[in-house]
Structures are given as C-alpha cells and as structure tokens.
Amino acid sequence: MRWRFKILGLAAAFAGALGCSAAQAEPGSWADAPEKLPKAARGDRTKNLDFLFEALKAAPDADSAKLVEGRIWALWLHSGSDTTDLLMTRVKTAIEGKDNSLAIELLTAVIGLKPDYMEAWNRRATLYFASKDYGKAVADIREVLAREPRHFGALTGLGIIMQEFGEDKLALEAFRRALAVNPHLPKIPEFVKTLSEKVEGRDI
C-alpha cells in the first residue's frame, strides 16, 4: 500500500502543476516519437517550437498534424551532444533487445550528464511505466513537464497512469491538457468523452 500512497501524493502534486501551467487506456496509447523523423530545424529552438505548436493546433487533418508532430519530436530529441546521442542509440538497442534494466541505467547516465535533455526523462518514464514502477514514472513525467508543459507524450502518459489508479478526475485533466496542445492525438478524445461522462455526468 505504501507505493500507492506515494503515487497519490505525486498525483496531488500534478493536480497543482496542471492547474498552473472511457474505456481504460491501453499501455500502447502513450504518445511516442515516430520511427522516422525530419532533421531538427535550425535557429531559435523556443521560437521554432512555438511556431510548430500553433501549426499543430491549426492543422486541417491528421496527416498534416503528423508532419508537424514529427518536426516537434525532432526538436525535442535533438540533444546537441555526441555523447548523449551515442548513449541514446544504446538505449534504443537495449529496448529493442527487451533489456529495460540496461535502458534505464543508460538513461540515468544521460540524465546525469545532461539533466535538461527532457527526452531522457520521458523515455525513462515510459520504461518505468512498462515495469509497473508507477511512482518513478510519475516523478519522471513531472521532470518532463517542468521543462516542457506542452509535452503531449508526457501528458498522455500521466493520464494513463492516473487511470490505472482510478484517479479519473486527474486523468481527465491530463488528457484535456494534452488535447489542448495537440487536438489530433489518436484515441484521447474517446478517453476524454468517457471520463467526462464518468466524472461530470452526461449532459441533460
């Protein structure tokens, strides 16, 4: 039970963070980077991301949105460090080999070297989630959102974890926040509809 209370304590912290800044979700619903990405855009990273997020909201269809998403992920994944890139390549190899323990160890090394590289936190969160270490997963998601509150991958992950623990209101908040940033996320509108009916009741 102790780990459950730890989760709920972290969830309470996230409720404040979300305020400031359905059918049960399947584990694979966690939004992740596509396999093939374009090159990261040059120039001011913050301005590029701001432009892309506005373009994402205005995308007329799912295909257009996927192109914009790819450019956002490319910027998020760009580390600017050869050492970090090498370690992340080894992380990918470890994950493909189903050695999650090694992947987590490598990601911890990346975080030690480059703590502002949020994709190391995000990837480690997904691995902790897969290992059912939900407290550490939520803690890593918090680190991601502290660096990028618009990270729709981390927000969907948070929503999924909150659903796992029956925290439907917090799950709904996280999913709504993710959709506000990226209206084209698959399956998430269905989760929002189901959770809205459950938490707030059906419209009369």
N, C-alpha and C. Protein backbone atom coordinates (compact mmCIF):
# COMPACT_ATOMS: atom_id res chain seq x y z
N MET A 1 0.82 -1.21 0.00
CA MET A 1 0.00 0.00 0.00
C MET A 1 0.85 1.26 0.00
N ARG A 2 2.06 1.15 0.52
CA ARG A 2 2.89 2.35 0.64
C ARG A 2 3.15 2.99 -0.71
N TRP A 3 3.42 2.14 -1.73
CA TRP A 3 3.68 2.70 -3.06
C TRP A 3 2.45 3.38 -3.62
N ARG A 4 1.25 2.88 -3.28
CA ARG A 4 0.02 3.54 -3.76
C ARG A 4 -0.11 4.93 -3.18
N PHE A 5 0.19 5.09 -1.89
CA PHE A 5 0.10 6.42 -1.29
C PHE A 5 1.14 7.36 -1.91
N LYS A 6 2.29 6.80 -2.25
CA LYS A 6 3.31 7.62 -2.90
C LYS A 6 2.81 8.13 -4.24
N ILE A 7 2.16 7.25 -5.02
CA ILE A 7 1.58 7.63 -6.31
C ILE A 7 0.57 8.74 -6.14
N LEU A 8 -0.33 8.56 -5.17
CA LEU A 8 -1.39 9.54 -4.98
C LEU A 8 -0.83 10.88 -4.51
N GLY A 9 0.26 10.83 -3.74
CA GLY A 9 0.90 12.07 -3.33
C GLY A 9 1.48 12.80 -4.53
N LEU A 10 2.12 12.06 -5.42
CA LEU A 10 2.64 12.65 -6.65
C LEU A 10 1.50 13.15 -7.52
N ALA A 11 0.40 12.40 -7.54
CA ALA A 11 -0.75 12.84 -8.32
C ALA A 11 -1.28 14.17 -7.82
N ALA A 12 -1.31 14.34 -6.51
CA ALA A 12 -1.77 15.61 -5.93
C ALA A 12 -0.86 16.74 -6.37
N ALA A 13 0.44 16.47 -6.40
CA ALA A 13 1.38 17.49 -6.84
C ALA A 13 1.13 17.85 -8.29
N PHE A 14 0.79 16.85 -9.11
CA PHE A 14 0.50 17.11 -10.51
C PHE A 14 -0.79 17.88 -10.69
N ALA A 15 -1.76 17.67 -9.81
CA ALA A 15 -3.01 18.41 -9.92
C ALA A 15 -2.72 19.90 -9.85
N GLY A 16 -1.82 20.31 -8.96
CA GLY A 16 -1.42 21.70 -8.88
C GLY A 16 -0.66 22.14 -10.11
N ALA A 17 0.21 21.28 -10.61
CA ALA A 17 1.01 21.63 -11.78
C ALA A 17 0.12 21.81 -13.00
N LEU A 18 -0.89 20.96 -13.16
CA LEU A 18 -1.79 21.08 -14.29
C LEU A 18 -2.62 22.35 -14.20
N GLY A 19 -2.94 22.75 -12.98
CA GLY A 19 -3.72 23.97 -12.81
C GLY A 19 -2.89 25.19 -13.15
N CYS A 20 -1.63 25.15 -12.85
CA CYS A 20 -0.76 26.28 -13.12
C CYS A 20 -0.29 26.26 -14.57
N SER A 21 0.31 25.83 -14.91
CA SER A 21 0.90 25.91 -16.22
C SER A 21 -0.21 25.73 -17.23
N ALA A 22 -13.83 6.44 -20.01
CA ALA A 22 -13.76 5.81 -21.30
C ALA A 22 -13.52 4.34 -21.09
N ALA A 23 -13.13 4.02 -22.05
CA ALA A 23 -12.55 2.70 -21.85
C ALA A 23 -11.18 2.91 -21.27
N GLN A 24 -10.68 1.91 -20.57
CA GLN A 24 -9.37 2.05 -19.97
C GLN A 24 -8.33 2.24 -21.06
N ALA A 25 -7.38 3.17 -20.86
CA ALA A 25 -6.35 3.41 -21.85
C ALA A 25 -5.44 2.18 -21.95
N GLU A 26 -5.03 1.87 -23.17
CA GLU A 26 -4.11 0.76 -23.36
C GLU A 26 -2.69 1.27 -23.17
N PRO A 27 -1.75 0.40 -22.68
CA PRO A 27 -0.37 0.84 -22.48
C PRO A 27 0.25 1.44 -23.73
N GLY A 28 -0.11 0.92 -24.89
CA GLY A 28 0.47 1.43 -26.13
C GLY A 28 -0.03 2.80 -26.52
N SER A 29 -1.01 3.34 -25.77
CA SER A 29 -1.59 4.64 -26.12
C SER A 29 -0.66 5.80 -25.79
N TRP A 30 0.39 5.54 -25.00
CA TRP A 30 1.33 6.59 -24.62
C TRP A 30 1.94 7.18 -25.88
N ALA A 31 1.72 8.47 -26.13
CA ALA A 31 2.22 9.11 -27.35
C ALA A 31 3.75 9.10 -27.36
N ASP A 32 4.32 8.58 -28.44
CA ASP A 32 5.76 8.47 -28.53
C ASP A 32 6.23 8.99 -29.88
N ALA A 33 7.54 9.20 -30.00
CA ALA A 33 8.10 9.72 -31.25
C ALA A 33 7.97 8.70 -32.37
N PRO A 34 7.69 9.15 -33.59
CA PRO A 34 7.66 8.22 -34.72
C PRO A 34 9.05 7.68 -35.02
N GLU A 35 9.09 6.56 -35.76
CA GLU A 35 10.38 5.93 -36.06
C GLU A 35 11.26 6.84 -36.91
N LYS A 36 10.67 7.46 -37.93
CA LYS A 36 11.44 8.33 -38.83
C LYS A 36 11.10 9.79 -38.55
N LEU A 37 12.15 10.57 -38.37
CA LEU A 37 11.97 11.98 -38.05
C LEU A 37 12.72 12.86 -39.04
N PRO A 38 12.19 14.06 -39.30
CA PRO A 38 12.96 15.00 -40.12
C PRO A 38 14.12 15.56 -39.31
N LYS A 39 15.02 16.25 -39.97
CA LYS A 39 16.11 16.90 -39.24
C LYS A 39 15.55 18.04 -38.40
N ALA A 40 16.15 18.24 -37.24
CA ALA A 40 15.70 19.32 -36.36
C ALA A 40 15.96 20.66 -37.03
N ALA A 41 14.98 21.54 -36.94
CA ALA A 41 15.11 22.86 -37.55
C ALA A 41 16.21 23.66 -36.86
N ARG A 42 16.92 24.44 -37.65
CA ARG A 42 17.95 25.32 -37.09
C ARG A 42 17.31 26.60 -36.57
N GLY A 43 18.10 27.37 -35.84
CA GLY A 43 17.60 28.64 -35.34
C GLY A 43 17.17 28.55 -33.89
N ASP A 44 16.39 29.53 -33.46
CA ASP A 44 15.94 29.62 -32.08
C ASP A 44 14.97 28.48 -31.78
N ARG A 45 15.36 27.57 -30.88
CA ARG A 45 14.56 26.39 -30.59
C ARG A 45 13.19 26.76 -30.02
N THR A 46 13.16 27.72 -29.10
CA THR A 46 11.90 28.11 -28.47
C THR A 46 10.93 28.70 -29.49
N LYS A 47 11.45 29.57 -30.34
CA LYS A 47 10.59 30.18 -31.37
C LYS A 47 10.10 29.13 -32.35
N ASN A 48 10.98 28.20 -32.72
CA ASN A 48 10.57 27.13 -33.64
C ASN A 48 9.46 26.29 -33.03
N LEU A 49 9.61 25.93 -31.76
CA LEU A 49 8.58 25.12 -31.10
C LEU A 49 7.26 25.89 -30.98
N ASP A 50 7.34 27.17 -30.61
CA ASP A 50 6.12 27.98 -30.51
C ASP A 50 5.38 28.00 -31.84
N PHE A 51 6.13 28.18 -32.93
CA PHE A 51 5.52 28.21 -34.26
C PHE A 51 4.88 26.86 -34.60
N LEU A 52 5.60 25.78 -34.29
CA LEU A 52 5.10 24.44 -34.62
C LEU A 52 3.87 24.08 -33.80
N PHE A 53 3.82 24.49 -32.55
CA PHE A 53 2.64 24.18 -31.75
C PHE A 53 1.41 24.94 -32.25
N GLU A 54 1.62 26.14 -32.72
CA GLU A 54 0.49 26.88 -33.32
C GLU A 54 0.04 26.19 -34.61
N ALA A 55 1.03 25.71 -35.39
CA ALA A 55 0.70 25.00 -36.62
C ALA A 55 -0.02 23.69 -36.32
N LEU A 56 0.36 23.04 -35.23
CA LEU A 56 -0.27 21.78 -34.85
C LEU A 56 -1.75 21.99 -34.52
N LYS A 57 -2.04 23.05 -33.79
CA LYS A 57 -3.44 23.36 -33.46
C LYS A 57 -4.26 23.66 -34.70
N ALA A 58 -3.60 24.30 -35.69
CA ALA A 58 -4.32 24.73 -36.90
C ALA A 58 -4.32 23.67 -38.00
N ALA A 59 -3.65 22.54 -37.78
CA ALA A 59 -3.56 21.50 -38.82
C ALA A 59 -4.96 21.06 -39.25
N PRO A 60 -5.23 21.02 -40.56
CA PRO A 60 -6.60 20.72 -41.03
C PRO A 60 -6.98 19.24 -40.95
N ASP A 61 -6.00 18.36 -40.86
CA ASP A 61 -6.31 16.93 -40.82
C ASP A 61 -5.18 16.18 -40.13
N ALA A 62 -5.41 14.88 -39.91
CA ALA A 62 -4.45 14.05 -39.16
C ALA A 62 -3.11 13.94 -39.88
N ASP A 63 -3.13 13.83 -41.21
CA ASP A 63 -1.87 13.69 -41.95
C ASP A 63 -1.01 14.94 -41.82
N SER A 64 -1.64 16.10 -41.92
CA SER A 64 -0.90 17.36 -41.74
C SER A 64 -0.35 17.46 -40.33
N ALA A 65 -1.16 17.04 -39.36
CA ALA A 65 -0.74 17.09 -37.97
C ALA A 65 0.47 16.20 -37.73
N LYS A 66 0.50 15.02 -38.36
CA LYS A 66 1.62 14.11 -38.16
C LYS A 66 2.92 14.71 -38.66
N LEU A 67 2.86 15.46 -39.75
CA LEU A 67 4.06 16.12 -40.26
C LEU A 67 4.59 17.14 -39.25
N VAL A 68 3.68 17.90 -38.67
CA VAL A 68 4.08 18.89 -37.68
C VAL A 68 4.59 18.20 -36.42
N GLU A 69 3.89 17.16 -35.98
CA GLU A 69 4.34 16.40 -34.82
C GLU A 69 5.77 15.91 -35.00
N GLY A 70 6.07 15.40 -36.19
CA GLY A 70 7.42 14.91 -36.46
C GLY A 70 8.47 15.98 -36.28
N ARG A 71 8.16 17.19 -36.70
CA ARG A 71 9.12 18.30 -36.55
C ARG A 71 9.28 18.69 -35.08
N ILE A 72 8.19 18.59 -34.31
CA ILE A 72 8.27 18.86 -32.87
C ILE A 72 9.14 17.81 -32.19
N TRP A 73 8.87 16.52 -32.48
CA TRP A 73 9.67 15.46 -31.88
C TRP A 73 11.14 15.59 -32.26
N ALA A 74 11.41 16.01 -33.50
CA ALA A 74 12.80 16.17 -33.94
C ALA A 74 13.52 17.19 -33.07
N LEU A 75 12.84 18.28 -32.73
CA LEU A 75 13.45 19.29 -31.86
C LEU A 75 13.61 18.77 -30.45
N TRP A 76 12.62 18.05 -29.96
CA TRP A 76 12.70 17.50 -28.60
C TRP A 76 13.84 16.49 -28.48
N LEU A 77 14.04 15.69 -29.52
CA LEU A 77 15.04 14.62 -29.47
C LEU A 77 16.44 15.11 -29.78
N HIS A 78 16.56 16.31 -30.34
CA HIS A 78 17.88 16.85 -30.67
C HIS A 78 18.62 17.22 -29.38
N SER A 79 19.73 16.56 -29.12
CA SER A 79 20.45 16.79 -27.86
C SER A 79 21.59 17.79 -27.99
N GLY A 80 22.17 17.89 -29.18
CA GLY A 80 23.32 18.76 -29.36
C GLY A 80 24.59 18.21 -28.72
N SER A 81 24.58 16.93 -28.37
CA SER A 81 25.73 16.31 -27.71
C SER A 81 25.99 14.94 -28.33
N ASP A 82 27.22 14.76 -28.83
CA ASP A 82 27.58 13.47 -29.43
C ASP A 82 27.51 12.34 -28.40
N THR A 83 27.94 12.64 -27.17
CA THR A 83 27.91 11.62 -26.11
C THR A 83 26.48 11.20 -25.79
N THR A 84 25.62 12.19 -25.68
CA THR A 84 24.20 11.89 -25.42
C THR A 84 23.59 11.09 -26.56
N ASP A 85 23.90 11.48 -27.78
CA ASP A 85 23.36 10.76 -28.94
C ASP A 85 23.82 9.30 -28.95
N LEU A 86 25.09 9.08 -28.60
CA LEU A 86 25.62 7.72 -28.55
C LEU A 86 24.89 6.90 -27.49
N LEU A 87 24.71 7.49 -26.32
CA LEU A 87 24.02 6.78 -25.24
C LEU A 87 22.57 6.50 -25.60
N MET A 88 21.92 7.44 -26.27
CA MET A 88 20.52 7.23 -26.66
C MET A 88 20.40 6.14 -27.73
N THR A 89 21.42 6.02 -28.59
CA THR A 89 21.45 4.92 -29.55
C THR A 89 21.54 3.58 -28.83
N ARG A 90 22.35 3.54 -27.78
CA ARG A 90 22.47 2.32 -26.97
C ARG A 90 21.18 2.03 -26.22
N VAL A 91 20.49 3.08 -25.80
CA VAL A 91 19.18 2.91 -25.15
C VAL A 91 18.23 2.22 -26.11
N LYS A 92 18.19 2.71 -27.34
CA LYS A 92 17.29 2.13 -28.35
C LYS A 92 17.61 0.66 -28.58
N THR A 93 18.91 0.34 -28.66
CA THR A 93 19.32 -1.05 -28.86
C THR A 93 18.89 -1.92 -27.68
N ALA A 94 19.05 -1.37 -26.46
CA ALA A 94 18.66 -2.12 -25.27
C ALA A 94 17.15 -2.38 -25.25
N ILE A 95 16.37 -1.38 -25.63
CA ILE A 95 14.91 -1.53 -25.65
C ILE A 95 14.51 -2.57 -26.70
N GLU A 96 15.13 -2.49 -27.87
CA GLU A 96 14.82 -3.47 -28.92
C GLU A 96 15.19 -4.89 -28.48
N GLY A 97 16.22 -4.99 -27.63
CA GLY A 97 16.61 -6.28 -27.09
C GLY A 97 15.85 -6.67 -25.83
N LYS A 98 14.85 -5.86 -25.49
CA LYS A 98 13.99 -6.09 -24.32
C LYS A 98 14.77 -6.10 -23.01
N ASP A 99 15.85 -5.34 -22.99
CA ASP A 99 16.64 -5.20 -21.76
C ASP A 99 16.33 -3.84 -21.15
N ASN A 100 15.16 -3.74 -20.53
CA ASN A 100 14.72 -2.46 -19.99
C ASN A 100 15.60 -1.99 -18.84
N SER A 101 16.14 -2.92 -18.07
CA SER A 101 17.01 -2.53 -16.95
C SER A 101 18.24 -1.79 -17.45
N LEU A 102 18.85 -2.32 -18.51
CA LEU A 102 20.02 -1.65 -19.09
C LEU A 102 19.61 -0.30 -19.68
N ALA A 103 18.46 -0.25 -20.36
CA ALA A 103 18.00 1.01 -20.95
C ALA A 103 17.80 2.07 -19.88
N ILE A 104 17.22 1.68 -18.74
CA ILE A 104 17.02 2.63 -17.64
C ILE A 104 18.36 3.09 -17.08
N GLU A 105 19.30 2.17 -16.97
CA GLU A 105 20.63 2.53 -16.46
C GLU A 105 21.31 3.53 -17.39
N LEU A 106 21.18 3.31 -18.70
CA LEU A 106 21.78 4.23 -19.67
C LEU A 106 21.09 5.59 -19.64
N LEU A 107 19.78 5.58 -19.52
CA LEU A 107 19.04 6.85 -19.46
C LEU A 107 19.38 7.63 -18.20
N THR A 108 19.61 6.92 -17.11
CA THR A 108 20.03 7.58 -15.87
C THR A 108 21.39 8.25 -16.07
N ALA A 109 22.26 7.60 -16.83
CA ALA A 109 23.57 8.20 -17.15
C ALA A 109 23.40 9.45 -18.00
N VAL A 110 22.48 9.40 -18.97
CA VAL A 110 22.22 10.57 -19.82
C VAL A 110 21.72 11.73 -18.97
N ILE A 111 20.78 11.44 -18.07
CA ILE A 111 20.23 12.48 -17.20
C ILE A 111 21.31 13.08 -16.31
N GLY A 112 22.24 12.25 -15.85
CA GLY A 112 23.35 12.77 -15.05
C GLY A 112 24.25 13.69 -15.84
N LEU A 113 24.44 13.38 -17.12
CA LEU A 113 25.30 14.20 -17.99
C LEU A 113 24.59 15.45 -18.49
N LYS A 114 23.29 15.29 -18.80
CA LYS A 114 22.54 16.39 -19.43
C LYS A 114 21.12 16.42 -18.86
N PRO A 115 20.97 16.92 -17.65
CA PRO A 115 19.67 16.88 -16.98
C PRO A 115 18.57 17.67 -17.68
N ASP A 116 18.91 18.62 -18.53
CA ASP A 116 17.89 19.38 -19.23
C ASP A 116 17.41 18.70 -20.51
N TYR A 117 18.00 17.55 -20.83
CA TYR A 117 17.55 16.81 -22.01
C TYR A 117 16.31 16.01 -21.63
N MET A 118 15.15 16.61 -21.87
CA MET A 118 13.91 16.07 -21.32
C MET A 118 13.51 14.73 -21.92
N GLU A 119 13.98 14.42 -23.12
CA GLU A 119 13.57 13.15 -23.72
C GLU A 119 14.18 11.96 -23.00
N ALA A 120 15.28 12.16 -22.28
CA ALA A 120 15.81 11.08 -21.45
C ALA A 120 14.84 10.80 -20.30
N TRP A 121 14.33 11.86 -19.70
CA TRP A 121 13.33 11.71 -18.63
C TRP A 121 12.06 11.04 -19.18
N ASN A 122 11.62 11.49 -20.36
CA ASN A 122 10.39 10.96 -20.94
C ASN A 122 10.53 9.48 -21.28
N ARG A 123 11.64 9.11 -21.90
CA ARG A 123 11.83 7.71 -22.26
C ARG A 123 11.95 6.83 -21.01
N ARG A 124 12.64 7.36 -20.00
CA ARG A 124 12.77 6.57 -18.77
C ARG A 124 11.41 6.40 -18.10
N ALA A 125 10.56 7.44 -18.18
CA ALA A 125 9.21 7.33 -17.62
C ALA A 125 8.43 6.20 -18.28
N THR A 126 8.54 6.08 -19.62
CA THR A 126 7.82 5.02 -20.31
C THR A 126 8.32 3.64 -19.88
N LEU A 127 9.62 3.54 -19.64
CA LEU A 127 10.18 2.25 -19.21
C LEU A 127 9.78 1.92 -17.78
N TYR A 128 9.76 2.93 -16.92
CA TYR A 128 9.29 2.69 -15.54
C TYR A 128 7.82 2.25 -15.58
N PHE A 129 7.03 2.88 -16.45
CA PHE A 129 5.62 2.50 -16.57
C PHE A 129 5.50 1.05 -17.03
N ALA A 130 6.30 0.68 -18.05
CA ALA A 130 6.26 -0.69 -18.55
C ALA A 130 6.66 -1.69 -17.47
N SER A 131 7.53 -1.24 -16.54
CA SER A 131 7.98 -2.10 -15.43
C SER A 131 7.05 -2.01 -14.23
N LYS A 132 5.94 -1.27 -14.38
CA LYS A 132 4.96 -1.06 -13.31
C LYS A 132 5.54 -0.34 -12.09
N ASP A 133 6.59 0.44 -12.32
CA ASP A 133 7.17 1.27 -11.26
C ASP A 133 6.56 2.66 -11.41
N TYR A 134 5.28 2.76 -11.04
CA TYR A 134 4.49 3.94 -11.36
C TYR A 134 4.96 5.21 -10.64
N GLY A 135 5.45 5.05 -9.41
CA GLY A 135 5.93 6.22 -8.68
C GLY A 135 7.07 6.90 -9.41
N LYS A 136 8.03 6.11 -9.88
CA LYS A 136 9.17 6.69 -10.62
C LYS A 136 8.73 7.22 -11.97
N ALA A 137 7.76 6.55 -12.59
CA ALA A 137 7.26 7.04 -13.88
C ALA A 137 6.64 8.43 -13.73
N VAL A 138 5.81 8.60 -12.72
CA VAL A 138 5.17 9.90 -12.49
C VAL A 138 6.22 10.97 -12.13
N ALA A 139 7.21 10.60 -11.34
CA ALA A 139 8.26 11.55 -10.98
C ALA A 139 9.02 12.03 -12.22
N ASP A 140 9.28 11.10 -13.16
CA ASP A 140 9.98 11.49 -14.39
C ASP A 140 9.09 12.33 -15.29
N ILE A 141 7.80 12.02 -15.34
CA ILE A 141 6.88 12.85 -16.12
C ILE A 141 6.87 14.27 -15.57
N ARG A 142 6.92 14.39 -14.27
CA ARG A 142 6.94 15.72 -13.66
C ARG A 142 8.17 16.51 -14.13
N GLU A 143 9.31 15.83 -14.25
CA GLU A 143 10.53 16.48 -14.74
C GLU A 143 10.36 16.93 -16.20
N VAL A 144 9.69 16.10 -16.99
CA VAL A 144 9.45 16.46 -18.40
C VAL A 144 8.58 17.72 -18.48
N LEU A 145 7.47 17.71 -17.75
CA LEU A 145 6.53 18.83 -17.83
C LEU A 145 7.09 20.11 -17.22
N ALA A 146 8.02 19.98 -16.31
CA ALA A 146 8.68 21.17 -15.77
C ALA A 146 9.51 21.85 -16.85
N ARG A 147 10.02 21.05 -17.79
CA ARG A 147 10.86 21.58 -18.87
C ARG A 147 10.05 21.95 -20.10
N GLU A 148 8.95 21.22 -20.33
CA GLU A 148 8.09 21.48 -21.49
C GLU A 148 6.65 21.12 -21.12
N PRO A 149 5.88 22.13 -20.64
CA PRO A 149 4.49 21.86 -20.22
C PRO A 149 3.59 21.40 -21.36
N ARG A 150 4.04 21.59 -22.60
CA ARG A 150 3.23 21.20 -23.76
C ARG A 150 3.56 19.79 -24.25
N HIS A 151 4.33 19.04 -23.49
CA HIS A 151 4.76 17.71 -23.95
C HIS A 151 3.56 16.76 -23.94
N PHE A 152 2.92 16.61 -25.09
CA PHE A 152 1.70 15.81 -25.17
C PHE A 152 1.96 14.33 -24.91
N GLY A 153 3.19 13.86 -25.16
CA GLY A 153 3.53 12.48 -24.83
C GLY A 153 3.51 12.24 -23.34
N ALA A 154 4.13 13.15 -22.59
CA ALA A 154 4.16 13.02 -21.13
C ALA A 154 2.77 13.20 -20.54
N LEU A 155 1.99 14.11 -21.11
CA LEU A 155 0.63 14.34 -20.59
C LEU A 155 -0.27 13.13 -20.80
N THR A 156 -0.15 12.49 -21.97
CA THR A 156 -0.95 11.28 -22.17
C THR A 156 -0.49 10.17 -21.24
N GLY A 157 0.83 10.09 -21.03
CA GLY A 157 1.34 9.09 -20.09
C GLY A 157 0.82 9.30 -18.69
N LEU A 158 0.78 10.56 -18.26
CA LEU A 158 0.24 10.88 -16.94
C LEU A 158 -1.22 10.48 -16.84
N GLY A 159 -1.99 10.77 -17.91
CA GLY A 159 -3.40 10.40 -17.90
C GLY A 159 -3.60 8.90 -17.78
N ILE A 160 -2.79 8.14 -18.50
CA ILE A 160 -2.89 6.68 -18.45
C ILE A 160 -2.59 6.16 -17.04
N ILE A 161 -1.53 6.70 -16.42
CA ILE A 161 -1.17 6.24 -15.08
C ILE A 161 -2.26 6.60 -14.07
N MET A 162 -2.81 7.81 -14.18
CA MET A 162 -3.88 8.19 -13.26
C MET A 162 -5.10 7.29 -13.42
N GLN A 163 -5.40 6.88 -14.67
CA GLN A 163 -6.50 5.94 -14.87
C GLN A 163 -6.22 4.60 -14.21
N GLU A 164 -4.97 4.17 -14.28
CA GLU A 164 -4.59 2.89 -13.67
C GLU A 164 -4.95 2.87 -12.18
N PHE A 165 -4.88 4.04 -11.54
CA PHE A 165 -5.13 4.11 -10.10
C PHE A 165 -6.51 4.66 -9.77
N GLY A 166 -7.36 4.72 -10.79
CA GLY A 166 -8.73 5.15 -10.53
C GLY A 166 -8.86 6.63 -10.26
N GLU A 167 -7.81 7.40 -10.57
CA GLU A 167 -7.87 8.85 -10.37
C GLU A 167 -8.42 9.49 -11.64
N ASP A 168 -9.72 9.28 -11.87
CA ASP A 168 -10.33 9.67 -13.15
C ASP A 168 -10.31 11.18 -13.38
N LYS A 169 -10.50 11.94 -12.32
CA LYS A 169 -10.51 13.40 -12.48
C LYS A 169 -9.15 13.91 -12.93
N LEU A 170 -8.09 13.39 -12.32
CA LEU A 170 -6.74 13.80 -12.71
C LEU A 170 -6.40 13.29 -14.10
N ALA A 171 -6.86 12.09 -14.44
CA ALA A 171 -6.65 11.56 -15.78
C ALA A 171 -7.32 12.46 -16.82
N LEU A 172 -8.54 12.88 -16.52
CA LEU A 172 -9.28 13.75 -17.42
C LEU A 172 -8.56 15.08 -17.62
N GLU A 173 -8.05 15.64 -16.54
CA GLU A 173 -7.31 16.90 -16.64
C GLU A 173 -6.08 16.74 -17.54
N ALA A 174 -5.35 15.64 -17.36
CA ALA A 174 -4.14 15.42 -18.15
C ALA A 174 -4.48 15.23 -19.63
N PHE A 175 -5.51 14.43 -19.91
CA PHE A 175 -5.89 14.19 -21.30
C PHE A 175 -6.40 15.48 -21.96
N ARG A 176 -7.16 16.27 -21.22
CA ARG A 176 -7.65 17.53 -21.78
C ARG A 176 -6.48 18.48 -22.07
N ARG A 177 -5.52 18.49 -21.17
CA ARG A 177 -4.34 19.34 -21.39
C ARG A 177 -3.59 18.87 -22.63
N ALA A 178 -3.47 17.56 -22.81
CA ALA A 178 -2.79 17.03 -23.99
C ALA A 178 -3.53 17.42 -25.27
N LEU A 179 -4.86 17.32 -25.25
CA LEU A 179 -5.65 17.68 -26.44
C LEU A 179 -5.63 19.17 -26.74
N ALA A 180 -5.52 19.98 -25.70
CA ALA A 180 -5.43 21.43 -25.91
C ALA A 180 -4.16 21.77 -26.69
N VAL A 181 -3.13 20.98 -26.46
CA VAL A 181 -1.85 21.20 -27.14
C VAL A 181 -1.87 20.54 -28.52
N ASN A 182 -2.39 19.32 -28.56
CA ASN A 182 -2.40 18.55 -29.80
C ASN A 182 -3.77 17.91 -30.00
N PRO A 183 -4.66 18.59 -30.73
CA PRO A 183 -6.04 18.09 -30.90
C PRO A 183 -6.13 16.82 -31.75
N HIS A 184 -5.02 16.39 -32.34
CA HIS A 184 -5.05 15.26 -33.26
C HIS A 184 -4.53 13.97 -32.66
N LEU A 185 -4.39 13.90 -31.35
CA LEU A 185 -3.91 12.68 -30.70
C LEU A 185 -4.93 11.55 -30.89
N PRO A 186 -4.49 10.39 -31.35
CA PRO A 186 -5.45 9.28 -31.52
C PRO A 186 -5.94 8.74 -30.19
N LYS A 187 -7.19 8.33 -30.15
CA LYS A 187 -7.85 7.68 -29.02
C LYS A 187 -8.14 8.62 -27.84
N ILE A 188 -7.36 9.67 -27.67
CA ILE A 188 -7.51 10.52 -26.48
C ILE A 188 -8.89 11.19 -26.44
N PRO A 189 -9.44 11.66 -27.56
CA PRO A 189 -10.80 12.23 -27.48
C PRO A 189 -11.83 11.23 -26.94
N GLU A 190 -11.66 9.94 -27.27
CA GLU A 190 -12.58 8.92 -26.76
C GLU A 190 -12.44 8.80 -25.24
N PHE A 191 -11.19 8.83 -24.76
CA PHE A 191 -10.96 8.75 -23.32
C PHE A 191 -11.58 9.95 -22.61
N VAL A 192 -11.42 11.14 -23.21
CA VAL A 192 -11.97 12.35 -22.62
C VAL A 192 -13.49 12.27 -22.54
N LYS A 193 -14.12 11.79 -23.62
CA LYS A 193 -15.57 11.67 -23.64
C LYS A 193 -16.05 10.72 -22.53
N THR A 194 -15.41 9.55 -22.44
CA THR A 194 -15.83 8.56 -21.46
C THR A 194 -15.59 9.06 -20.04
N LEU A 195 -14.43 9.66 -19.81
CA LEU A 195 -14.10 10.16 -18.47
C LEU A 195 -14.98 11.35 -18.09
N SER A 196 -15.30 12.20 -19.06
CA SER A 196 -16.16 13.35 -18.79
C SER A 196 -17.53 12.88 -18.30
N GLU A 197 -18.07 11.86 -18.95
CA GLU A 197 -19.36 11.33 -18.53
C GLU A 197 -19.29 10.71 -17.15
N LYS A 198 -18.15 10.06 -16.87
CA LYS A 198 -17.97 9.40 -15.59
C LYS A 198 -17.75 10.40 -14.45
N VAL A 199 -16.93 11.42 -14.72
CA VAL A 199 -16.56 12.39 -13.68
C VAL A 199 -17.61 13.49 -13.53
N GLU A 200 -18.13 13.97 -14.65
CA GLU A 200 -19.01 15.15 -14.63
C GLU A 200 -20.46 14.81 -14.93
N GLY A 201 -20.71 13.58 -15.37
CA GLY A 201 -22.08 13.18 -15.71
C GLY A 201 -22.43 13.52 -17.14
N ARG A 202 -23.48 12.86 -17.65
CA ARG A 202 -23.93 13.12 -19.01
C ARG A 202 -24.69 14.45 -19.07
N ASP A 203 -24.60 15.10 -20.24
CA ASP A 203 -25.40 16.32 -20.43
C ASP A 203 -26.88 15.96 -20.46
N ILE A 204 -27.66 16.78 -19.82
CA ILE A 204 -29.11 16.55 -19.79
C ILE A 204 -29.74 17.12 -21.08
